Amino acid sequence: MPSDSAINTQHDFNAIKKGLQTFSHIDEIESILKQRFKDFCFHTLKDIPHPKELHNNMEASLFVCQSILRNEKIVIVGDYDTDGICATSIMLDFFDQLSYNNVAFAMPNRFIHGYGFSVKLFHEILKDHSDVKVIITVDNGVSSFQAAELCREHNIGLIITDHHTLEVDSNKDQKIPYCNFMINPQQAICNFPYSEICGSLVAWYFCCAIKISMLNLCSDSNTKNNQTKKLLNCYEKNLKIIRMESFLLLVGIATIADVMPLNAINHTICKYALKHIPNSKRYAFQALMENLKSGIDSQVLGFRIIPLLNAAGRISDGKIALSFLRSTSLSNARFYLKQLKDLNTQRKLLQDEVTNKAFQSISQIPQNENMLCAVGEDWHEGVLGIVAGKMADEFQKPCFVLTNTNGVCKGSGRSAGDVDLISSMQKIGHLMQRYGGHVGAVGLELKDYNLESFIKSFKPISHNIEKKENVLGILNSHLINYELFSCITSFEPFGNGNPLPKFLCEMEILECKKTGQGFREFHFKRTENSSIKGMFFNQKYADYNFTIGSILCFRATIALDSQSFYTTQNRQIMLIIDRVYTE
């Protein structure tokens, strides 16, 4: 039997069954799912926290408004992942709709600049925009100490908007780079009720604050300068027609992409985004809906859309994904979508290559029982985070995947279970040249001579986040129908803190075949007169011997068969199997 967690023993199945409820009615499932949201303070956008609750938000917005009225050059510094790309698009789109044109953007290239607002990127900004007066970072900046000092030296205003955990000094006090303002819910001084939000939502809140502050200036009757009054009148007209909720579609994507916990604010925004993306006027979303040929939910976002956006920064340049999101025509969007799909194909090939090497390498270096670290020579940087995530899923412990280039080990770590990865890293920060991230994911860079000490010294720190059990119970086959699917999807979006419900099933195999992609397609006996399709998307088991007529024990989610999506009168339900249990 292949050694992989996707196939387990009958003994494992029986052990998991103990204590689980066997469902006989859909109402029982609905009641359990409702409990996940019992502590939510709100469920609608009108009740989310006000922009003024985010520390420094209103003060920083007034600073920007004054810069706008002086027609000063503003440069937005984004990041190359989905959250950073969406945050950059939100800021640029907002300024476009305001009709303030003295704005530019800079985005690091993973292979040239590394992560975030670096010294190298600062000098490029200065070269391309010598008249820059204000720099605004989005989804980055908390670790940009050197670039921040350069802003100070050149008398350039710096506003850091970020959501990543701040570094701490030896006294455990947060370290803040030089800046005019930092807007980050992770700051100890910030009383925003939700600290775990994505960078795009911080950027959105900042745009909301700019809108509020500018409208306040417009209503100020003390303004005497006629030119300023004329500008304010123009901006007031534009501001009144800007629909801030339209930008939340990008925030919803970024929230799922960054695996933010689906608390009240994140769940509310993501639910809104999923509802409105299909009918959005944004050409990028229209092109995506054409390409999907199906509906959109959190699983489609996570497995089909977000990988496309991330592929640009992983393989080439995040600006390609930004250009896609900001396409000015449908043909333009289709052009960039084709590029993203091609890059994603390259990403998959590189990912498979590095995955195989990484799994082989873990036995070649001394490990720590609390974590695993894979290191190789000149592995492609763009896929290290994905591979670390695969390893963490496989071994259920924090995993790091690093590439060693000229004596510098650089890469990513992914958490597992209740390990707070960034807090764990802070304990050994002295061993690294750079690191940053949040609870579930980090990026890091260290000299190869510190690698052994890094592995030996890593000690996991747990965080106190209530885990929602995603194996809901044991499902009788007669309950598997469209009514159950509709009940489950009413609790979308699913993700961190609201996992997609999984069920244990025992069903007779009527048919089993291998697909052209090397997956397994089953047909199970549902009732005496009906069957149901099941898909096992794991190519490692394409040749595994599943016996027709036998009872298969497995874990699965309920999904809509995409082949029947447009057949509204007869939409078919299928099972997506992620684990089977054999003798």
Protein backbone atom coordinates (compact mmCIF):
# COMPACT_ATOMS: atom_id res chain seq x y z
CA MET A 1 0.00 0.00 0.00
CA PRO A 2 1.35 3.48 -0.81
CA SER A 3 2.47 5.40 2.25
CA ASP A 4 0.28 8.48 2.19
CA SER A 5 -2.36 9.94 4.45
CA ALA A 6 -5.05 9.74 1.75
CA ILE A 7 -5.48 6.01 2.43
CA ASN A 8 -5.82 4.76 5.99
CA THR A 9 -6.91 1.56 7.69
CA GLN A 10 -10.30 0.29 8.76
CA HIS A 11 -9.02 0.59 12.33
CA ASP A 12 -8.52 4.34 11.79
CA PHE A 13 -12.05 4.61 10.43
CA ASN A 14 -13.57 2.85 13.43
CA ALA A 15 -11.58 5.03 15.82
CA ILE A 16 -12.80 8.23 14.12
CA LYS A 17 -16.42 7.00 14.16
CA LYS A 18 -16.46 6.83 17.95
CA GLY A 19 -18.30 9.81 19.34
CA LEU A 20 -19.57 10.99 15.95
CA GLN A 21 -23.27 11.45 15.34
CA THR A 22 -25.01 9.40 12.66
CA PHE A 23 -27.33 11.81 10.86
CA SER A 24 -30.85 10.78 9.95
CA HIS A 25 -32.21 14.23 9.05
CA ILE A 26 -30.74 17.29 7.29
CA ASP A 27 -32.02 19.49 10.12
CA GLU A 28 -29.46 17.88 12.42
CA ILE A 29 -26.64 18.97 10.12
CA GLU A 30 -28.06 22.48 9.78
CA SER A 31 -28.28 22.83 13.56
CA ILE A 32 -24.59 21.97 14.02
CA LEU A 33 -23.47 24.41 11.31
CA LYS A 34 -25.54 27.22 12.83
CA GLN A 35 -23.59 26.84 16.06
CA ARG A 36 -20.46 28.05 14.29
CA PHE A 37 -21.95 31.53 14.00
CA LYS A 38 -23.67 31.87 17.36
CA ASP A 39 -21.11 34.40 18.63
CA PHE A 40 -21.17 36.65 15.55
CA CYS A 41 -22.06 40.25 16.44
CA PHE A 42 -23.31 40.99 12.93
CA HIS A 43 -24.01 39.44 9.53
CA THR A 44 -24.40 42.48 7.26
CA LEU A 45 -22.02 45.10 5.86
CA LYS A 46 -23.83 47.99 7.51
CA ASP A 47 -22.77 46.68 10.91
CA ILE A 48 -19.03 46.21 10.33
CA PRO A 49 -16.68 48.41 12.42
CA HIS A 50 -16.28 52.06 11.40
CA PRO A 51 -12.98 53.18 9.77
CA LYS A 52 -12.23 55.39 12.79
CA GLU A 53 -11.80 52.26 14.94
CA LEU A 54 -8.59 51.37 13.09
CA HIS A 55 -5.69 53.11 14.82
CA ASN A 56 -4.16 56.02 12.83
CA ASN A 57 -6.64 55.52 9.99
CA MET A 58 -8.38 58.89 10.11
CA GLU A 59 -5.17 60.81 10.88
CA ALA A 60 -3.32 59.18 7.98
CA SER A 61 -6.24 59.81 5.64
CA LEU A 62 -6.15 63.55 6.40
CA PHE A 63 -2.41 63.52 5.66
CA VAL A 64 -3.16 62.01 2.22
CA CYS A 65 -6.02 64.42 1.56
CA GLN A 66 -3.73 67.37 2.16
CA SER A 67 -1.18 65.81 -0.17
CA ILE A 68 -3.88 65.42 -2.83
CA LEU A 69 -4.87 69.07 -2.52
CA ARG A 70 -1.21 70.00 -3.09
CA ASN A 71 -1.17 67.69 -6.14
CA GLU A 72 1.79 65.72 -4.75
CA LYS A 73 2.98 62.47 -6.28
CA ILE A 74 1.76 59.43 -4.33
CA VAL A 75 3.26 55.98 -4.94
CA ILE A 76 1.48 52.81 -3.81
CA VAL A 77 3.85 49.95 -2.91
CA GLY A 78 2.12 46.59 -3.20
CA ASP A 79 3.10 42.95 -2.99
CA TYR A 80 3.16 40.09 -5.49
CA ASP A 81 0.69 37.68 -3.84
CA THR A 82 -3.09 37.78 -4.25
CA ASP A 83 -3.66 39.90 -1.14
CA GLY A 84 -1.01 42.45 -2.15
CA ILE A 85 -2.25 42.57 -5.74
CA CYS A 86 -5.88 43.05 -4.65
CA ALA A 87 -4.85 45.74 -2.14
CA THR A 88 -2.89 47.58 -4.82
CA SER A 89 -5.84 47.41 -7.21
CA ILE A 90 -8.20 48.76 -4.52
CA MET A 91 -5.99 51.79 -3.86
CA LEU A 92 -5.35 52.55 -7.54
CA ASP A 93 -9.01 52.06 -8.49
CA PHE A 94 -10.09 54.34 -5.66
CA PHE A 95 -7.77 57.14 -6.79
CA ASP A 96 -8.93 56.62 -10.38
CA GLN A 97 -12.56 57.02 -9.38
CA LEU A 98 -11.62 60.08 -7.35
CA SER A 99 -9.97 61.42 -10.54
CA TYR A 100 -6.67 62.03 -8.78
CA ASN A 101 -4.09 61.19 -11.42
CA ASN A 102 -0.78 62.02 -9.72
CA VAL A 103 -0.51 58.44 -8.48
CA ALA A 104 1.81 55.60 -9.45
CA PHE A 105 2.54 52.17 -8.08
CA ALA A 106 5.52 49.92 -7.48
CA MET A 107 5.40 46.18 -6.96
CA PRO A 108 8.39 44.04 -5.98
CA ASN A 109 9.46 41.19 -8.19
CA ARG A 110 10.15 38.10 -6.10
CA PHE A 111 13.32 37.30 -8.05
CA ILE A 112 14.72 40.84 -8.22
CA HIS A 113 13.64 42.64 -5.06
CA GLY A 114 12.52 39.92 -2.70
CA TYR A 115 9.53 40.57 -0.48
CA GLY A 116 7.99 43.94 0.33
CA PHE A 117 9.26 47.52 0.39
CA SER A 118 13.02 46.97 0.13
CA VAL A 119 15.99 49.29 -0.32
CA LYS A 120 16.30 48.19 -3.94
CA LEU A 121 12.66 48.94 -4.63
CA PHE A 122 12.96 52.34 -2.93
CA HIS A 123 15.78 53.37 -5.27
CA GLU A 124 13.75 52.22 -8.29
CA ILE A 125 10.81 54.33 -7.11
CA LEU A 126 13.09 57.33 -6.70
CA LYS A 127 14.52 56.77 -10.18
CA ASP A 128 11.11 56.39 -11.85
CA HIS A 129 9.30 59.03 -9.76
CA SER A 130 11.81 61.60 -8.60
CA ASP A 131 8.95 63.89 -7.55
CA VAL A 132 7.42 61.36 -5.11
CA LYS A 133 6.22 62.97 -1.87
CA VAL A 134 4.19 60.18 -0.24
CA ILE A 135 4.63 56.40 -0.29
CA ILE A 136 1.80 54.15 0.88
CA THR A 137 2.53 50.46 1.42
CA VAL A 138 -0.26 47.92 1.20
CA ASP A 139 0.00 44.36 2.56
CA ASN A 140 3.63 44.98 3.51
CA GLY A 141 5.85 47.40 5.35
CA VAL A 142 6.12 46.19 8.96
CA SER A 143 9.63 44.83 8.31
CA SER A 144 10.82 47.59 5.92
CA PHE A 145 13.15 49.30 8.41
CA GLN A 146 15.89 50.21 5.93
CA ALA A 147 13.56 51.51 3.22
CA ALA A 148 11.69 53.50 5.87
CA GLU A 149 14.94 55.21 6.94
CA LEU A 150 15.58 56.15 3.32
CA CYS A 151 12.15 57.80 3.21
CA ARG A 152 13.13 59.84 6.24
CA GLU A 153 16.46 60.86 4.65
CA HIS A 154 14.73 61.98 1.45
CA ASN A 155 11.87 63.73 3.27
CA ILE A 156 9.27 61.43 1.74
CA GLY A 157 6.11 60.79 3.73
CA LEU A 158 5.52 57.11 4.51
CA ILE A 159 2.23 55.49 5.47
CA ILE A 160 2.43 51.77 6.21
CA THR A 161 -0.80 49.80 5.84
CA ASP A 162 -0.27 46.15 6.68
CA HIS A 163 -1.75 43.23 8.59
CA HIS A 164 1.35 41.15 9.29
CA THR A 165 2.69 40.57 12.80
CA LEU A 166 5.19 43.18 13.94
CA GLU A 167 8.71 42.24 14.98
CA VAL A 168 9.55 42.53 18.67
CA ASP A 169 12.74 43.52 20.49
CA SER A 170 14.43 41.78 23.41
CA ASN A 171 11.87 43.33 25.78
CA LYS A 172 9.01 41.95 23.64
CA ASP A 173 8.06 45.50 22.61
CA GLN A 174 6.84 45.88 19.05
CA LYS A 175 9.32 47.40 16.62
CA ILE A 176 7.84 49.93 14.20
CA PRO A 177 9.76 51.24 11.16
CA TYR A 178 10.03 55.01 10.79
CA CYS A 179 6.81 56.26 9.22
CA ASN A 180 4.34 59.09 9.50
CA PHE A 181 1.58 56.60 10.27
CA MET A 182 1.18 52.85 10.57
CA ILE A 183 -2.26 51.35 10.07
CA ASN A 184 -2.16 47.74 11.23
CA PRO A 185 -4.67 45.92 13.47
CA GLN A 186 -1.76 43.87 14.86
CA GLN A 187 -0.36 46.93 16.67
CA ALA A 188 -0.64 46.59 20.44
CA ILE A 189 -2.07 50.11 20.58
CA CYS A 190 -4.83 49.32 18.06
CA ASN A 191 -8.26 48.53 19.51
CA PHE A 192 -9.87 47.40 16.25
CA PRO A 193 -12.11 44.47 17.26
CA TYR A 194 -10.69 42.10 14.60
CA SER A 195 -6.91 41.80 14.43
CA GLU A 196 -6.90 38.94 11.91
CA ILE A 197 -7.89 40.67 8.68
CA CYS A 198 -6.11 40.72 5.32
CA GLY A 199 -4.00 43.54 3.89
CA SER A 200 -6.66 44.32 1.30
CA LEU A 201 -9.22 45.00 4.01
CA VAL A 202 -6.78 47.37 5.75
CA ALA A 203 -6.27 49.14 2.40
CA TRP A 204 -10.05 49.29 1.88
CA TYR A 205 -10.54 50.83 5.31
CA PHE A 206 -7.87 53.40 4.49
CA CYS A 207 -9.68 54.34 1.28
CA CYS A 208 -12.93 54.67 3.28
CA ALA A 209 -11.14 57.02 5.69
CA ILE A 210 -9.77 59.12 2.79
CA LYS A 211 -13.29 59.40 1.42
CA ILE A 212 -14.68 60.51 4.81
CA SER A 213 -11.87 63.02 5.41
CA MET A 214 -12.11 64.49 1.92
CA LEU A 215 -15.88 64.90 2.22
CA ASN A 216 -15.36 66.65 5.56
CA LEU A 217 -12.93 69.04 3.87
CA CYS A 218 -15.47 69.62 1.12
CA SER A 219 -18.10 70.65 3.65
CA ASP A 220 -15.69 72.99 5.47
CA SER A 221 -16.95 76.50 4.74
CA ASN A 222 -13.71 78.06 6.02
CA THR A 223 -11.77 77.15 2.89
CA LYS A 224 -10.90 80.50 1.28
CA ASN A 225 -8.60 79.52 -1.56
CA ASN A 226 -10.66 79.50 -4.78
CA GLN A 227 -8.45 76.91 -6.48
CA THR A 228 -8.80 74.60 -3.48
CA LYS A 229 -12.57 75.13 -3.44
CA LYS A 230 -12.73 74.20 -7.13
CA LEU A 231 -10.74 71.03 -6.51
CA LEU A 232 -12.87 70.08 -3.52
CA ASN A 233 -16.07 70.57 -5.53
CA CYS A 234 -14.73 68.25 -8.21
CA TYR A 235 -13.66 65.61 -5.70
CA GLU A 236 -16.96 65.88 -3.84
CA LYS A 237 -18.93 64.99 -6.95
CA ASN A 238 -16.73 61.99 -7.61
CA LEU A 239 -16.70 60.79 -4.02
CA LYS A 240 -20.47 60.77 -3.80
CA ILE A 241 -20.73 58.21 -6.60
CA ILE A 242 -17.88 55.94 -5.45
CA ARG A 243 -19.42 52.71 -4.15
CA MET A 244 -16.96 51.48 -1.55
CA GLU A 245 -18.70 48.11 -1.32
CA SER A 246 -17.68 47.37 -4.92
CA PHE A 247 -14.05 47.06 -3.78
CA LEU A 248 -15.06 44.41 -1.25
CA LEU A 249 -15.18 41.83 -4.03
CA LEU A 250 -11.39 42.06 -4.15
CA VAL A 251 -11.21 42.00 -0.35
CA GLY A 252 -13.22 38.77 -0.30
CA ILE A 253 -10.80 37.10 -2.70
CA ALA A 254 -7.81 38.31 -0.67
CA THR A 255 -9.35 37.07 2.59
CA ILE A 256 -9.72 33.53 1.24
CA ALA A 257 -6.28 33.71 -0.39
CA ASP A 258 -4.53 34.68 2.85
CA VAL A 259 -6.49 32.05 4.82
CA MET A 260 -7.83 34.62 7.25
CA PRO A 261 -10.14 33.26 9.97
CA LEU A 262 -13.75 33.56 8.92
CA ASN A 263 -14.87 35.62 11.89
CA ALA A 264 -17.86 37.95 11.71
CA ILE A 265 -16.21 40.64 9.56
CA ASN A 266 -14.33 38.30 7.21
CA HIS A 267 -17.26 35.93 6.74
CA THR A 268 -19.67 38.80 6.07
CA ILE A 269 -17.37 40.36 3.45
CA CYS A 270 -16.57 37.06 1.74
CA LYS A 271 -20.25 36.13 1.57
CA TYR A 272 -20.97 39.49 -0.07
CA ALA A 273 -18.11 39.00 -2.53
CA LEU A 274 -19.23 35.51 -3.59
CA LYS A 275 -22.74 36.78 -4.19
CA HIS A 276 -21.70 39.74 -6.37
CA ILE A 277 -18.63 38.55 -8.30
CA PRO A 278 -20.70 36.68 -10.96
CA ASN A 279 -22.57 39.87 -11.94
CA SER A 280 -19.73 42.34 -11.44
CA LYS A 281 -18.96 44.92 -14.13
CA ARG A 282 -15.23 44.39 -13.57
CA TYR A 283 -13.94 42.90 -16.83
CA ALA A 284 -11.57 40.55 -15.00
CA PHE A 285 -14.48 38.89 -13.22
CA GLN A 286 -16.46 38.64 -16.45
CA ALA A 287 -13.53 36.85 -18.09
CA LEU A 288 -13.20 34.53 -15.10
CA MET A 289 -16.89 33.60 -15.17
CA GLU A 290 -16.58 32.83 -18.89
CA ASN A 291 -13.61 30.60 -18.17
CA LEU A 292 -15.12 28.81 -15.15
CA LYS A 293 -18.32 27.70 -16.85
CA SER A 294 -19.71 27.02 -13.37
CA GLY A 295 -20.84 28.82 -10.25
CA ILE A 296 -18.44 30.38 -7.77
CA ASP A 297 -17.93 29.48 -4.13
CA SER A 298 -15.04 29.47 -1.68
CA GLN A 299 -13.70 26.20 -3.13
CA VAL A 300 -13.69 27.62 -6.66
CA LEU A 301 -11.93 30.73 -5.36
CA GLY A 302 -9.37 28.72 -3.43
CA PHE A 303 -8.55 26.08 -6.01
CA ARG A 304 -9.22 27.70 -9.38
CA ILE A 305 -9.09 31.51 -9.21
CA ILE A 306 -6.55 32.38 -6.50
CA PRO A 307 -3.86 30.03 -7.93
CA LEU A 308 -4.13 31.94 -11.22
CA LEU A 309 -3.57 35.30 -9.50
CA ASN A 310 -0.70 33.92 -7.41
CA ALA A 311 0.97 32.30 -10.42
CA ALA A 312 2.08 35.65 -11.80
CA GLY A 313 4.18 36.54 -8.75
CA ARG A 314 5.37 32.98 -8.25
CA ILE A 315 6.67 32.43 -11.78
CA SER A 316 7.02 35.83 -13.44
CA ASP A 317 5.76 39.21 -12.19
CA GLY A 318 2.75 40.12 -10.01
CA LYS A 319 2.06 43.10 -12.27
CA ILE A 320 0.51 40.68 -14.78
CA ALA A 321 -2.20 39.75 -12.27
CA LEU A 322 -2.67 43.42 -11.38
CA SER A 323 -3.12 44.28 -15.06
CA PHE A 324 -5.67 41.49 -15.29
CA LEU A 325 -7.70 42.78 -12.33
CA ARG A 326 -7.59 46.33 -13.72
CA SER A 327 -8.37 45.38 -17.34
CA THR A 328 -10.15 48.13 -19.25
CA SER A 329 -11.98 45.84 -21.67
CA LEU A 330 -13.15 42.26 -21.86
CA SER A 331 -10.67 41.44 -24.62
CA ASN A 332 -7.91 42.93 -22.47
CA ALA A 333 -9.00 40.73 -19.54
CA ARG A 334 -9.06 37.62 -21.74
CA PHE A 335 -5.53 38.40 -22.91
CA TYR A 336 -4.16 38.62 -19.37
CA LEU A 337 -6.17 35.61 -18.22
CA LYS A 338 -4.51 33.53 -20.94
CA GLN A 339 -1.10 34.62 -19.59
CA LEU A 340 -2.11 33.71 -16.05
CA LYS A 341 -3.32 30.27 -17.12
CA ASP A 342 -0.04 29.60 -18.94
CA LEU A 343 1.96 30.72 -15.90
CA ASN A 344 -0.16 28.50 -13.66
CA THR A 345 0.61 25.51 -15.86
CA GLN A 346 4.32 26.25 -15.45
CA ARG A 347 3.78 26.62 -11.70
CA LYS A 348 2.24 23.14 -11.44
CA LEU A 349 5.20 21.53 -13.22
CA LEU A 350 7.73 23.34 -11.03
CA GLN A 351 5.71 22.54 -7.93
CA ASP A 352 5.71 18.80 -8.69
CA GLU A 353 9.45 18.88 -9.31
CA VAL A 354 10.28 20.70 -6.06
CA THR A 355 7.76 18.62 -4.07
CA ASN A 356 9.51 15.39 -5.03
CA LYS A 357 12.92 16.83 -4.14
CA ALA A 358 11.68 18.30 -0.86
CA PHE A 359 10.12 15.06 0.36
CA GLN A 360 13.36 13.24 -0.44
CA SER A 361 15.54 15.84 1.28
CA ILE A 362 13.94 15.70 4.74
CA SER A 363 15.69 12.41 5.49
CA GLN A 364 19.07 13.87 4.57
CA ILE A 365 19.38 16.44 7.38
CA PRO A 366 18.86 16.15 11.17
CA GLN A 367 15.31 17.17 12.05
CA ASN A 368 13.47 18.52 15.07
CA GLU A 369 10.49 16.48 16.33
CA ASN A 370 8.45 19.70 16.42
CA MET A 371 8.95 20.61 12.76
CA LEU A 372 10.37 19.50 9.42
CA CYS A 373 12.74 21.41 7.17
CA ALA A 374 13.56 20.62 3.54
CA VAL A 375 16.55 22.33 1.92
CA GLY A 376 17.85 22.12 -1.63
CA GLU A 377 20.15 23.88 -4.03
CA ASP A 378 18.58 26.45 -6.34
CA TRP A 379 14.97 25.29 -6.00
CA HIS A 380 12.47 27.64 -7.63
CA GLU A 381 11.51 30.25 -5.03
CA GLY A 382 8.01 30.74 -6.40
CA VAL A 383 6.65 27.36 -5.29
CA LEU A 384 8.35 26.89 -1.91
CA GLY A 385 5.32 28.07 0.08
CA ILE A 386 2.98 25.67 -1.71
CA VAL A 387 5.35 22.77 -1.12
CA ALA A 388 5.69 23.71 2.56
CA GLY A 389 1.90 23.66 2.79
CA LYS A 390 1.73 20.20 1.24
CA MET A 391 4.31 18.91 3.70
CA ALA A 392 2.48 20.47 6.66
CA ASP A 393 -0.76 18.78 5.55
CA GLU A 394 1.04 15.47 5.14
CA PHE A 395 3.00 15.43 8.41
CA GLN A 396 0.69 17.61 10.54
CA LYS A 397 3.50 19.73 11.93
CA PRO A 398 5.09 23.05 10.90
CA CYS A 399 7.18 22.63 7.75
CA PHE A 400 9.78 24.84 6.10
CA VAL A 401 11.05 24.57 2.54
CA LEU A 402 14.21 26.52 1.73
CA THR A 403 16.42 26.97 -1.28
CA ASN A 404 20.14 27.51 -0.71
CA THR A 405 21.67 29.98 -3.14
CA ASN A 406 25.23 31.14 -2.57
CA GLY A 407 25.09 30.34 1.13
CA VAL A 408 21.74 32.03 1.80
CA CYS A 409 18.73 29.85 2.62
CA LYS A 410 15.49 31.52 1.61
CA GLY A 411 11.97 30.18 1.60
CA SER A 412 8.66 29.70 3.36
CA GLY A 413 7.09 27.98 6.33
CA ARG A 414 3.55 26.76 6.85
CA SER A 415 1.86 25.91 10.12
CA ALA A 416 -0.22 22.93 11.18
CA GLY A 417 -2.69 22.43 14.00
CA ASP A 418 -2.72 25.22 16.56
CA VAL A 419 0.88 26.39 16.08
CA ASP A 420 1.31 30.17 15.89
CA LEU A 421 4.15 30.21 13.39
CA ILE A 422 5.14 33.88 13.54
CA SER A 423 5.25 33.88 17.37
CA SER A 424 7.38 30.73 17.23
CA MET A 425 9.75 32.46 14.81
CA GLN A 426 10.11 35.54 17.00
CA LYS A 427 11.82 33.41 19.66
CA ILE A 428 14.65 32.62 17.23
CA GLY A 429 14.59 35.79 15.14
CA HIS A 430 18.27 36.43 15.88
CA LEU A 431 19.20 33.48 13.66
CA MET A 432 17.58 35.02 10.59
CA GLN A 433 18.42 37.88 8.28
CA ARG A 434 14.76 38.53 7.51
CA TYR A 435 11.44 36.98 8.41
CA GLY A 436 7.80 37.96 8.51
CA GLY A 437 4.27 36.68 8.19
CA HIS A 438 1.42 35.69 10.45
CA VAL A 439 -0.01 32.76 12.40
CA GLY A 440 -0.21 30.30 9.53
CA ALA A 441 2.54 31.28 7.11
CA VAL A 442 5.95 32.93 7.16
CA GLY A 443 8.73 33.87 4.80
CA LEU A 444 12.32 33.73 6.00
CA GLU A 445 15.94 34.16 5.00
CA LEU A 446 19.03 32.98 6.90
CA LYS A 447 22.68 32.12 6.34
CA ASP A 448 23.26 28.42 5.73
CA TYR A 449 25.60 28.20 8.72
CA ASN A 450 22.61 29.10 10.95
CA LEU A 451 20.38 26.38 9.50
CA GLU A 452 21.26 23.67 12.00
CA SER A 453 20.70 26.03 14.94
CA PHE A 454 17.40 27.17 13.41
CA ILE A 455 16.12 23.59 13.18
CA LYS A 456 17.32 22.63 16.66
CA SER A 457 16.01 25.81 18.33
CA PHE A 458 12.51 25.91 16.84
CA LYS A 459 9.86 25.43 19.52
CA PRO A 460 6.20 25.72 18.58
CA ILE A 461 3.97 28.21 20.37
CA SER A 462 0.25 27.46 20.33
CA HIS A 463 -2.46 30.02 19.77
CA ASN A 464 -5.86 29.98 21.40
CA ILE A 465 -8.21 29.80 18.46
CA GLU A 466 -11.27 27.60 18.74
CA LYS A 467 -11.04 24.88 16.11
CA LYS A 468 -14.25 24.06 14.27
CA GLU A 469 -14.51 20.32 13.66
CA ASN A 470 -14.87 19.66 9.95
CA VAL A 471 -15.76 15.96 10.23
CA LEU A 472 -19.36 16.61 11.11
CA GLY A 473 -20.55 13.04 11.49
CA ILE A 474 -21.62 9.87 9.73
CA LEU A 475 -23.83 10.34 6.70
CA ASN A 476 -26.54 7.90 5.67
CA SER A 477 -26.59 7.54 1.89
CA HIS A 478 -30.27 8.50 1.54
CA LEU A 479 -29.45 12.02 2.80
CA ILE A 480 -27.06 12.73 -0.08
CA ASN A 481 -29.20 14.92 -2.32
CA TYR A 482 -29.58 18.46 -3.61
CA GLU A 483 -31.42 19.53 -0.47
CA LEU A 484 -28.37 18.63 1.64
CA PHE A 485 -26.07 20.43 -0.80
CA SER A 486 -28.24 23.57 -0.62
CA CYS A 487 -28.27 23.42 3.18
CA ILE A 488 -24.47 23.23 3.34
CA THR A 489 -23.84 25.97 0.76
CA SER A 490 -26.08 28.37 2.70
CA PHE A 491 -23.21 28.55 5.22
CA GLU A 492 -20.66 29.65 2.60
CA PRO A 493 -17.98 30.85 2.49
CA PHE A 494 -15.93 28.03 3.96
CA GLY A 495 -12.33 28.30 5.04
CA ASN A 496 -10.25 28.96 8.14
CA GLY A 497 -12.61 28.87 11.13
CA ASN A 498 -15.54 27.61 9.07
CA PRO A 499 -14.21 24.48 7.35
CA LEU A 500 -16.14 22.79 4.58
CA PRO A 501 -18.11 20.00 6.31
CA LYS A 502 -16.79 16.50 5.77
CA PHE A 503 -18.66 13.29 6.43
CA LEU A 504 -17.76 9.66 6.99
CA CYS A 505 -19.53 7.33 4.58
CA GLU A 506 -19.82 3.58 4.00
CA MET A 507 -21.14 2.77 0.54
CA GLU A 508 -21.17 -0.13 -1.89
CA ILE A 509 -18.98 0.32 -4.99
CA LEU A 510 -21.04 -0.26 -8.15
CA GLU A 511 -18.39 0.97 -10.57
CA CYS A 512 -14.82 2.26 -10.40
CA LYS A 513 -12.75 3.59 -13.30
CA LYS A 514 -9.63 5.60 -13.92
CA THR A 515 -10.07 8.96 -15.64
CA GLY A 516 -7.78 10.38 -18.30
CA GLN A 517 -6.12 12.57 -15.67
CA GLY A 518 -5.29 9.56 -13.50
CA PHE A 519 -8.05 10.13 -10.91
CA ARG A 520 -10.59 7.61 -9.64
CA GLU A 521 -14.27 7.94 -10.50
CA PHE A 522 -16.66 5.83 -8.44
CA HIS A 523 -20.35 5.15 -8.64
CA PHE A 524 -21.85 4.13 -5.30
CA LYS A 525 -25.18 2.62 -4.41
CA ARG A 526 -27.25 5.42 -2.86
CA THR A 527 -30.65 3.71 -2.57
CA GLU A 528 -32.10 0.55 -4.07
CA ASN A 529 -32.91 2.46 -7.27
CA SER A 530 -30.23 5.15 -7.47
CA SER A 531 -26.48 5.70 -7.46
CA ILE A 532 -24.19 8.61 -6.81
CA LYS A 533 -20.87 9.63 -8.31
CA GLY A 534 -17.73 10.01 -6.21
CA MET A 535 -14.36 11.46 -7.26
CA PHE A 536 -11.01 10.67 -5.62
CA PHE A 537 -8.59 13.33 -6.91
CA ASN A 538 -5.34 11.64 -5.98
CA GLN A 539 -3.23 10.38 -8.87
CA LYS A 540 -1.08 8.25 -6.57
CA TYR A 541 -3.94 5.77 -6.35
CA ALA A 542 -4.85 5.54 -10.01
CA ASP A 543 -3.83 1.86 -10.01
CA TYR A 544 -5.01 0.96 -6.52
CA ASN A 545 -7.29 -2.10 -6.47
CA PHE A 546 -10.80 -1.10 -5.40
CA THR A 547 -13.16 -4.10 -5.52
CA ILE A 548 -16.56 -3.81 -7.23
CA GLY A 549 -19.36 -4.87 -4.87
CA SER A 550 -17.34 -4.16 -1.73
CA ILE A 551 -18.22 -1.57 0.91
CA LEU A 552 -15.85 1.39 0.79
CA CYS A 553 -15.31 3.45 3.94
CA PHE A 554 -14.28 7.02 3.13
CA ARG A 555 -14.36 10.69 4.08
CA ALA A 556 -15.94 13.13 1.66
CA THR A 557 -17.55 16.49 1.02
CA ILE A 558 -20.76 17.14 -0.89
CA ALA A 559 -20.40 19.01 -4.18
CA LEU A 560 -22.32 19.90 -7.29
CA ASP A 561 -21.25 17.92 -10.32
CA SER A 562 -19.84 20.65 -12.58
CA GLN A 563 -20.99 18.73 -15.66
CA SER A 564 -24.60 19.39 -14.65
CA PHE A 565 -24.17 23.02 -13.54
CA TYR A 566 -26.17 24.52 -16.39
CA THR A 567 -28.89 21.86 -16.23
CA THR A 568 -30.92 23.72 -13.64
CA GLN A 569 -33.79 21.23 -13.69
CA ASN A 570 -31.56 18.25 -12.85
CA ARG A 571 -28.46 19.36 -11.01
CA GLN A 572 -26.51 16.33 -9.91
CA ILE A 573 -24.73 15.94 -6.58
CA MET A 574 -21.43 14.17 -6.22
CA LEU A 575 -19.00 13.20 -3.47
CA ILE A 576 -15.46 14.56 -3.36
CA ILE A 577 -13.38 11.93 -1.52
CA ASP A 578 -10.24 13.02 0.27
CA ARG A 579 -9.53 9.91 2.31
CA VAL A 580 -10.37 6.21 2.08
CA TYR A 581 -10.07 3.52 4.74
CA THR A 582 -9.20 -0.04 3.72
CA GLU A 583 -8.65 -3.37 5.45
